[in-house]
Amino acid sequence: MRSIALGQAEYEQLMDEIHGYCQQARELREQAAALQQTGLTDFQVSEKIQQLLNHAKHLDTQTRARSIRLQAACTV
Protein backbone atom coordinates (compact mmCIF):
# COMPACT_ATOMS: atom_id res chain seq x y z
CA MET A 1 0.00 0.00 0.00
CA ARG A 2 1.39 3.37 -0.99
CA SER A 3 1.76 6.03 1.59
CA ILE A 4 -0.03 9.36 1.30
CA ALA A 5 3.33 11.15 1.26
CA LEU A 6 4.52 9.04 -1.67
CA GLY A 7 1.29 9.71 -3.56
CA GLN A 8 1.59 13.44 -2.87
CA ALA A 9 5.21 13.45 -4.06
CA GLU A 10 4.27 11.66 -7.28
CA TYR A 11 1.38 14.09 -7.82
CA GLU A 12 3.64 17.10 -7.34
CA GLN A 13 6.29 15.69 -9.67
CA LEU A 14 3.72 15.03 -12.40
CA MET A 15 2.23 18.50 -11.99
CA ASP A 16 5.70 20.05 -12.30
CA GLU A 17 6.38 18.02 -15.45
CA ILE A 18 3.02 19.00 -16.97
CA HIS A 19 3.60 22.66 -16.18
CA GLY A 20 7.10 22.52 -17.67
CA TYR A 21 5.93 20.84 -20.87
CA CYS A 22 3.09 23.34 -21.30
CA GLN A 23 5.46 26.27 -20.78
CA GLN A 24 8.01 24.88 -23.25
CA ALA A 25 5.33 24.22 -25.88
CA ARG A 26 3.97 27.76 -25.46
CA GLU A 27 7.46 29.25 -25.88
CA LEU A 28 8.12 27.16 -29.00
CA ARG A 29 4.84 28.29 -30.55
CA GLU A 30 5.70 31.91 -29.75
CA GLN A 31 9.09 31.48 -31.45
CA ALA A 32 7.42 29.97 -34.50
CA ALA A 33 4.91 32.83 -34.64
CA ALA A 34 7.71 35.38 -34.37
CA LEU A 35 9.53 33.73 -37.28
CA GLN A 36 6.34 33.68 -39.35
CA GLN A 37 5.80 37.38 -38.70
CA THR A 38 9.22 38.22 -40.15
CA GLY A 39 7.78 37.47 -43.57
CA LEU A 40 10.86 35.48 -44.53
CA THR A 41 9.94 32.60 -46.78
CA ASP A 42 13.20 30.79 -47.46
CA PHE A 43 13.51 27.06 -46.86
CA GLN A 44 15.60 27.36 -43.68
CA VAL A 45 13.03 29.62 -42.00
CA SER A 46 10.16 27.36 -43.04
CA GLU A 47 12.09 24.33 -41.81
CA LYS A 48 12.81 25.98 -38.45
CA ILE A 49 9.15 26.93 -38.00
CA GLN A 50 8.13 23.34 -38.73
CA GLN A 51 10.73 22.00 -36.26
CA LEU A 52 9.47 24.33 -33.53
CA LEU A 53 5.86 23.33 -34.13
CA ASN A 54 6.73 19.62 -34.26
CA HIS A 55 8.60 19.88 -30.97
CA ALA A 56 5.66 21.73 -29.41
CA LYS A 57 3.37 18.94 -30.62
CA HIS A 58 5.68 16.35 -29.05
CA LEU A 59 5.51 18.25 -25.75
CA ASP A 60 1.70 18.26 -26.00
CA THR A 61 1.83 14.46 -26.31
CA GLN A 62 4.08 14.27 -23.25
CA THR A 63 1.64 16.49 -21.36
CA ARG A 64 -1.27 14.20 -22.22
CA ALA A 65 0.71 11.14 -21.13
CA ARG A 66 1.58 12.77 -17.80
CA SER A 67 -2.04 13.83 -17.32
CA ILE A 68 -3.17 10.23 -17.77
CA ARG A 69 -0.56 9.09 -15.23
CA LEU A 70 -1.76 11.81 -12.88
CA GLN A 71 -5.37 10.68 -13.18
CA ALA A 72 -4.33 7.08 -12.54
CA ALA A 73 -2.29 8.11 -9.50
CA CYS A 74 -5.23 10.03 -8.07
CA THR A 75 -7.61 7.09 -8.42
CA VAL A 76 -5.38 4.56 -6.65
C-alpha atoms as a PDB file:
ATOM      1  CA  MET A   1       0.000   0.000   0.000  1.00  0.00           C
ATOM      2  CA  ARG A   2       1.390   3.369  -0.989  1.00  0.00           C
ATOM      3  CA  SER A   3       1.760   6.033   1.591  1.00  0.00           C
ATOM      4  CA  ILE A   4      -0.029   9.359   1.299  1.00  0.00           C
ATOM      5  CA  ALA A   5       3.328  11.149   1.264  1.00  0.00           C
ATOM      6  CA  LEU A   6       4.520   9.038  -1.671  1.00  0.00           C
ATOM      7  CA  GLY A   7       1.293   9.715  -3.562  1.00  0.00           C
ATOM      8  CA  GLN A   8       1.594  13.437  -2.867  1.00  0.00           C
ATOM      9  CA  ALA A   9       5.206  13.454  -4.056  1.00  0.00           C
ATOM     10  CA  GLU A  10       4.265  11.661  -7.278  1.00  0.00           C
ATOM     11  CA  TYR A  11       1.377  14.088  -7.822  1.00  0.00           C
ATOM     12  CA  GLU A  12       3.642  17.102  -7.340  1.00  0.00           C
ATOM     13  CA  GLN A  13       6.289  15.686  -9.675  1.00  0.00           C
ATOM     14  CA  LEU A  14       3.723  15.030 -12.396  1.00  0.00           C
ATOM     15  CA  MET A  15       2.230  18.497 -11.991  1.00  0.00           C
ATOM     16  CA  ASP A  16       5.705  20.052 -12.304  1.00  0.00           C
ATOM     17  CA  GLU A  17       6.381  18.022 -15.451  1.00  0.00           C
ATOM     18  CA  ILE A  18       3.020  18.998 -16.967  1.00  0.00           C
ATOM     19  CA  HIS A  19       3.599  22.664 -16.178  1.00  0.00           C
ATOM     20  CA  GLY A  20       7.095  22.521 -17.669  1.00  0.00           C
ATOM     21  CA  TYR A  21       5.930  20.839 -20.866  1.00  0.00           C
ATOM     22  CA  CYS A  22       3.092  23.341 -21.303  1.00  0.00           C
ATOM     23  CA  GLN A  23       5.464  26.267 -20.780  1.00  0.00           C
ATOM     24  CA  GLN A  24       8.011  24.884 -23.253  1.00  0.00           C
ATOM     25  CA  ALA A  25       5.328  24.220 -25.879  1.00  0.00           C
ATOM     26  CA  ARG A  26       3.972  27.764 -25.461  1.00  0.00           C
ATOM     27  CA  GLU A  27       7.458  29.248 -25.880  1.00  0.00           C
ATOM     28  CA  LEU A  28       8.119  27.163 -28.997  1.00  0.00           C
ATOM     29  CA  ARG A  29       4.842  28.293 -30.551  1.00  0.00           C
ATOM     30  CA  GLU A  30       5.703  31.912 -29.752  1.00  0.00           C
ATOM     31  CA  GLN A  31       9.090  31.480 -31.446  1.00  0.00           C
ATOM     32  CA  ALA A  32       7.416  29.968 -34.503  1.00  0.00           C
ATOM     33  CA  ALA A  33       4.913  32.828 -34.635  1.00  0.00           C
ATOM     34  CA  ALA A  34       7.711  35.382 -34.374  1.00  0.00           C
ATOM     35  CA  LEU A  35       9.528  33.733 -37.284  1.00  0.00           C
ATOM     36  CA  GLN A  36       6.344  33.682 -39.349  1.00  0.00           C
ATOM     37  CA  GLN A  37       5.801  37.382 -38.697  1.00  0.00           C
ATOM     38  CA  THR A  38       9.215  38.218 -40.155  1.00  0.00           C
ATOM     39  CA  GLY A  39       7.781  37.470 -43.567  1.00  0.00           C
ATOM     40  CA  LEU A  40      10.861  35.483 -44.530  1.00  0.00           C
ATOM     41  CA  THR A  41       9.941  32.597 -46.780  1.00  0.00           C
ATOM     42  CA  ASP A  42      13.200  30.787 -47.463  1.00  0.00           C
ATOM     43  CA  PHE A  43      13.511  27.058 -46.864  1.00  0.00           C
ATOM     44  CA  GLN A  44      15.595  27.359 -43.679  1.00  0.00           C
ATOM     45  CA  VAL A  45      13.025  29.620 -41.998  1.00  0.00           C
ATOM     46  CA  SER A  46      10.161  27.357 -43.043  1.00  0.00           C
ATOM     47  CA  GLU A  47      12.086  24.327 -41.808  1.00  0.00           C
ATOM     48  CA  LYS A  48      12.813  25.984 -38.455  1.00  0.00           C
ATOM     49  CA  ILE A  49       9.147  26.931 -38.004  1.00  0.00           C
ATOM     50  CA  GLN A  50       8.133  23.337 -38.726  1.00  0.00           C
ATOM     51  CA  GLN A  51      10.731  21.999 -36.263  1.00  0.00           C
ATOM     52  CA  LEU A  52       9.469  24.327 -33.531  1.00  0.00           C
ATOM     53  CA  LEU A  53       5.859  23.329 -34.128  1.00  0.00           C
ATOM     54  CA  ASN A  54       6.728  19.624 -34.259  1.00  0.00           C
ATOM     55  CA  HIS A  55       8.604  19.881 -30.970  1.00  0.00           C
ATOM     56  CA  ALA A  56       5.658  21.725 -29.410  1.00  0.00           C
ATOM     57  CA  LYS A  57       3.366  18.937 -30.624  1.00  0.00           C
ATOM     58  CA  HIS A  58       5.684  16.348 -29.048  1.00  0.00           C
ATOM     59  CA  LEU A  59       5.506  18.245 -25.753  1.00  0.00           C
ATOM     60  CA  ASP A  60       1.703  18.259 -26.004  1.00  0.00           C
ATOM     61  CA  THR A  61       1.834  14.465 -26.313  1.00  0.00           C
ATOM     62  CA  GLN A  62       4.080  14.267 -23.250  1.00  0.00           C
ATOM     63  CA  THR A  63       1.643  16.492 -21.364  1.00  0.00           C
ATOM     64  CA  ARG A  64      -1.267  14.203 -22.216  1.00  0.00           C
ATOM     65  CA  ALA A  65       0.706  11.145 -21.130  1.00  0.00           C
ATOM     66  CA  ARG A  66       1.578  12.767 -17.805  1.00  0.00           C
ATOM     67  CA  SER A  67      -2.045  13.827 -17.320  1.00  0.00           C
ATOM     68  CA  ILE A  68      -3.168  10.226 -17.766  1.00  0.00           C
ATOM     69  CA  ARG A  69      -0.564   9.093 -15.229  1.00  0.00           C
ATOM     70  CA  LEU A  70      -1.757  11.810 -12.879  1.00  0.00           C
ATOM     71  CA  GLN A  71      -5.366  10.676 -13.176  1.00  0.00           C
ATOM     72  CA  ALA A  72      -4.329   7.081 -12.542  1.00  0.00           C
ATOM     73  CA  ALA A  73      -2.285   8.110  -9.503  1.00  0.00           C
ATOM     74  CA  CYS A  74      -5.234  10.030  -8.075  1.00  0.00           C
ATOM     75  CA  THR A  75      -7.614   7.092  -8.416  1.00  0.00           C
ATOM     76  CA  VAL A  76      -5.382   4.565  -6.653  1.00  0.00           C
END
